[in-house]
């Protein structure tokens, strides 16, 4: 109970101070020293219909990866085109997408964080998604991620990136998906 109260106060204080992201991870170990990852709340929950009439529900997230180190970071994300299920929603099929367009915080108030989701899904619905970029020292990179499902979920979707060593993990309602890596380039 004590943890719940402290965590609730933390979330409330960050909301009052203008924080618009859901989770933040600061890495200060030997492998990931100087990396910070912030993951947003979802936007969307709308329906998308493919040209062949199949319906999906989608939500959009953004992630900010900040490089506070003195070396370049090589970021690689690779989402498969294959559907998967998660333990909390075993009857729903999910897919993940990583658009190549970079997000910026000026788009934060816009629907879907400013991502033209319909055009993106029209072109990429059955394709794997990949992103490869370099984040220079003392800079950040903001990226989108899109979660689609063949039906809506009961409750809220939470998702975002985390690091385990140099492996990049995407968590969808606490279900972990290995999806890439962040490597410090000397």
Protein backbone atom coordinates (compact mmCIF):
# COMPACT_ATOMS: atom_id res chain seq x y z
CA UNK A 1 0.00 0.00 0.00
CA UNK A 2 2.85 2.39 0.85
CA UNK A 3 4.41 1.90 -2.63
CA UNK A 4 1.03 2.59 -4.29
CA UNK A 5 0.60 5.86 -2.37
CA UNK A 6 4.14 7.03 -3.12
CA UNK A 7 3.83 6.05 -6.81
CA UNK A 8 0.46 7.85 -7.05
CA UNK A 9 1.96 10.98 -5.49
CA UNK A 10 4.91 10.75 -7.93
CA UNK A 11 2.54 10.53 -10.91
CA UNK A 12 0.38 13.37 -9.58
CA UNK A 13 3.36 15.65 -8.95
CA UNK A 14 4.78 14.98 -12.41
CA UNK A 15 1.38 15.67 -14.00
CA UNK A 16 1.11 18.96 -12.13
CA UNK A 17 4.63 19.92 -13.22
CA UNK A 18 3.71 19.37 -16.87
CA UNK A 19 5.14 15.89 -17.48
CA UNK A 20 3.47 14.38 -20.52
CA UNK A 21 5.08 10.97 -20.57
CA UNK A 22 4.14 7.72 -18.88
CA UNK A 23 7.51 6.16 -17.98
CA UNK A 24 11.11 7.34 -17.75
CA UNK A 25 14.20 5.17 -17.43
CA UNK A 26 17.65 6.60 -16.74
CA UNK A 27 20.51 4.20 -17.29
CA UNK A 28 23.78 4.76 -15.48
CA UNK A 29 25.48 1.37 -15.69
CA UNK A 30 28.64 0.50 -17.60
CA UNK A 31 26.81 -0.60 -20.75
CA UNK A 32 24.13 2.11 -20.98
CA UNK A 33 25.64 5.02 -19.08
CA UNK A 34 24.00 8.30 -20.02
CA UNK A 35 20.92 6.94 -21.81
CA UNK A 36 17.41 8.10 -20.89
CA UNK A 37 14.21 6.69 -22.37
CA UNK A 38 10.82 8.41 -21.97
CA UNK A 39 7.62 6.73 -23.20
CA UNK A 40 4.33 8.55 -23.74
CA UNK A 41 0.76 7.77 -22.94
CA UNK A 42 -1.33 6.35 -25.83
CA UNK A 43 -3.37 8.38 -28.27
CA UNK A 44 -5.86 6.93 -30.67
CA UNK A 45 -8.14 4.04 -29.94
CA UNK A 46 -9.74 4.60 -33.31
CA UNK A 47 -10.64 2.07 -35.97
CA UNK A 48 -8.77 1.54 -39.22
CA UNK A 49 -10.17 -0.48 -42.13
CA UNK A 50 -7.84 -1.96 -44.76
CA UNK A 51 -8.65 -1.85 -48.47
CA UNK A 52 -9.84 -5.47 -48.23
CA UNK A 53 -12.29 -4.57 -45.42
CA UNK A 54 -10.43 -5.94 -42.37
CA UNK A 55 -10.87 -3.74 -39.26
CA UNK A 56 -8.24 -2.91 -36.67
CA UNK A 57 -8.01 -0.69 -33.60
CA UNK A 58 -4.85 1.39 -33.24
CA UNK A 59 -3.03 3.50 -30.66
CA UNK A 60 0.02 5.71 -31.19
CA UNK A 61 2.88 6.31 -28.75
CA UNK A 62 6.08 8.35 -28.84
CA UNK A 63 9.42 7.61 -27.23
CA UNK A 64 12.28 10.02 -26.59
CA UNK A 65 15.75 8.49 -26.36
CA UNK A 66 18.33 10.91 -24.99
CA UNK A 67 22.08 10.42 -25.32
CA UNK A 68 23.88 12.19 -22.46
CA UNK A 69 27.15 10.38 -23.21
CA UNK A 70 30.11 11.66 -25.20
CA UNK A 71 29.76 8.91 -27.84
CA UNK A 72 27.27 8.24 -30.63
CA UNK A 73 24.44 5.78 -29.98
CA UNK A 74 23.41 3.38 -32.71
CA UNK A 75 19.67 2.71 -32.42
CA UNK A 76 18.12 -0.27 -34.21
CA UNK A 77 14.46 -1.28 -33.94
CA UNK A 78 12.95 -4.21 -35.81
CA UNK A 79 9.26 -5.17 -35.46
CA UNK A 80 8.12 -8.35 -37.20
CA UNK A 81 5.07 -8.41 -39.48
CA UNK A 82 3.77 -11.40 -37.51
CA UNK A 83 0.84 -10.99 -35.13
CA UNK A 84 1.17 -12.06 -31.50
CA UNK A 85 -0.97 -12.33 -28.37
CA UNK A 86 -0.21 -11.18 -24.85
CA UNK A 87 -1.17 -13.04 -21.65
CA UNK A 88 -3.56 -10.30 -20.47
CA UNK A 89 -5.50 -10.43 -23.79
CA UNK A 90 -5.10 -14.00 -25.15
CA UNK A 91 -7.93 -13.68 -27.71
CA UNK A 92 -6.63 -10.52 -29.38
CA UNK A 93 -3.96 -10.39 -32.09
CA UNK A 94 -1.50 -7.49 -31.95
CA UNK A 95 1.02 -6.02 -34.40
CA UNK A 96 3.67 -3.36 -33.82
CA UNK A 97 4.91 -0.71 -36.22
CA UNK A 98 7.73 1.81 -36.10
CA UNK A 99 7.22 4.66 -38.60
CA UNK A 100 10.42 6.19 -39.96
CA UNK A 101 9.17 9.76 -39.48
CA UNK A 102 10.67 11.52 -36.48
CA UNK A 103 8.30 12.93 -33.88
CA UNK A 104 8.75 16.35 -32.27
CA UNK A 105 7.21 17.75 -29.10
CA UNK A 106 5.32 20.46 -31.00
CA UNK A 107 3.07 17.63 -32.27
CA UNK A 108 2.31 16.36 -28.76
CA UNK A 109 -1.16 17.97 -28.56
CA UNK A 110 -2.21 16.78 -32.04
CA UNK A 111 -4.30 13.66 -32.67
CA UNK A 112 -2.00 10.62 -32.91
CA UNK A 113 0.87 12.96 -31.98
CA UNK A 114 0.76 14.38 -35.51
CA UNK A 115 1.38 11.05 -37.25
CA UNK A 116 -0.68 10.49 -40.41
CA UNK A 117 -1.61 7.05 -39.14
CA UNK A 118 -4.09 6.14 -41.88
CA UNK A 119 -1.60 6.75 -44.70
CA UNK A 120 1.10 4.92 -42.77
CA UNK A 121 -1.09 1.87 -42.13
CA UNK A 122 -2.40 1.86 -45.73
CA UNK A 123 1.19 1.48 -46.95
CA UNK A 124 2.62 -0.75 -44.19
CA UNK A 125 -0.14 -2.95 -42.74
CA UNK A 126 1.45 -6.32 -43.64
CA UNK A 127 5.11 -5.30 -43.62
CA UNK A 128 7.80 -5.52 -40.95
CA UNK A 129 8.92 -2.18 -39.50
CA UNK A 130 12.55 -1.19 -39.11
CA UNK A 131 14.33 1.89 -37.89
CA UNK A 132 18.06 2.48 -37.86
CA UNK A 133 19.57 5.79 -36.77
CA UNK A 134 22.43 7.37 -34.84
CA UNK A 135 21.82 9.61 -31.85
CA UNK A 136 24.68 12.03 -31.43
CA UNK A 137 26.14 13.00 -28.03
CA UNK A 138 24.00 15.36 -25.95
CA UNK A 139 20.97 15.04 -28.24
CA UNK A 140 17.65 13.22 -28.38
CA UNK A 141 15.67 11.29 -30.94
CA UNK A 142 11.87 11.08 -30.79
CA UNK A 143 10.21 8.17 -32.52
CA UNK A 144 6.70 6.87 -32.96
CA UNK A 145 5.40 3.39 -32.27
CA UNK A 146 1.98 2.13 -33.31
CA UNK A 147 0.11 -0.79 -31.78
CA UNK A 148 -2.79 -2.30 -33.72
CA UNK A 149 -5.12 -5.10 -32.72
CA UNK A 150 -7.91 -6.99 -34.41
CA UNK A 151 -10.31 -5.82 -31.69
CA UNK A 152 -10.34 -3.42 -28.76
CA UNK A 153 -9.00 -4.39 -25.36
CA UNK A 154 -10.76 -4.24 -22.02
CA UNK A 155 -8.88 -1.46 -20.27
CA UNK A 156 -5.90 0.63 -21.16
CA UNK A 157 -2.91 -0.11 -23.37
CA UNK A 158 0.47 0.91 -21.99
CA UNK A 159 3.58 0.43 -24.06
CA UNK A 160 7.14 1.64 -24.40
CA UNK A 161 10.80 0.87 -24.81
CA UNK A 162 13.24 -0.21 -22.10
CA UNK A 163 16.82 -1.48 -22.11
CA UNK A 164 18.11 -4.76 -20.73
CA UNK A 165 21.88 -4.47 -21.16
CA UNK A 166 22.15 -3.30 -24.81
CA UNK A 167 18.98 -5.15 -25.88
CA UNK A 168 15.98 -2.97 -26.61
CA UNK A 169 12.71 -4.33 -25.23
CA UNK A 170 9.23 -3.13 -26.15
CA UNK A 171 6.73 -3.73 -23.35
CA UNK A 172 3.06 -3.97 -24.21
CA UNK A 173 1.00 -4.19 -21.01
CA UNK A 174 4.06 -5.77 -19.33
CA UNK A 175 4.57 -8.33 -22.13
CA UNK A 176 8.18 -8.07 -23.32
CA UNK A 177 9.15 -8.16 -26.99
CA UNK A 178 12.84 -8.19 -27.97
CA UNK A 179 12.99 -5.68 -30.80
CA UNK A 180 16.46 -4.25 -31.29
CA UNK A 181 19.39 -2.67 -29.55
CA UNK A 182 21.14 0.52 -28.56
CA UNK A 183 24.90 0.36 -28.84
CA UNK A 184 27.37 3.02 -27.77
CA UNK A 185 29.78 3.70 -30.63
CA UNK A 186 33.25 4.83 -29.52
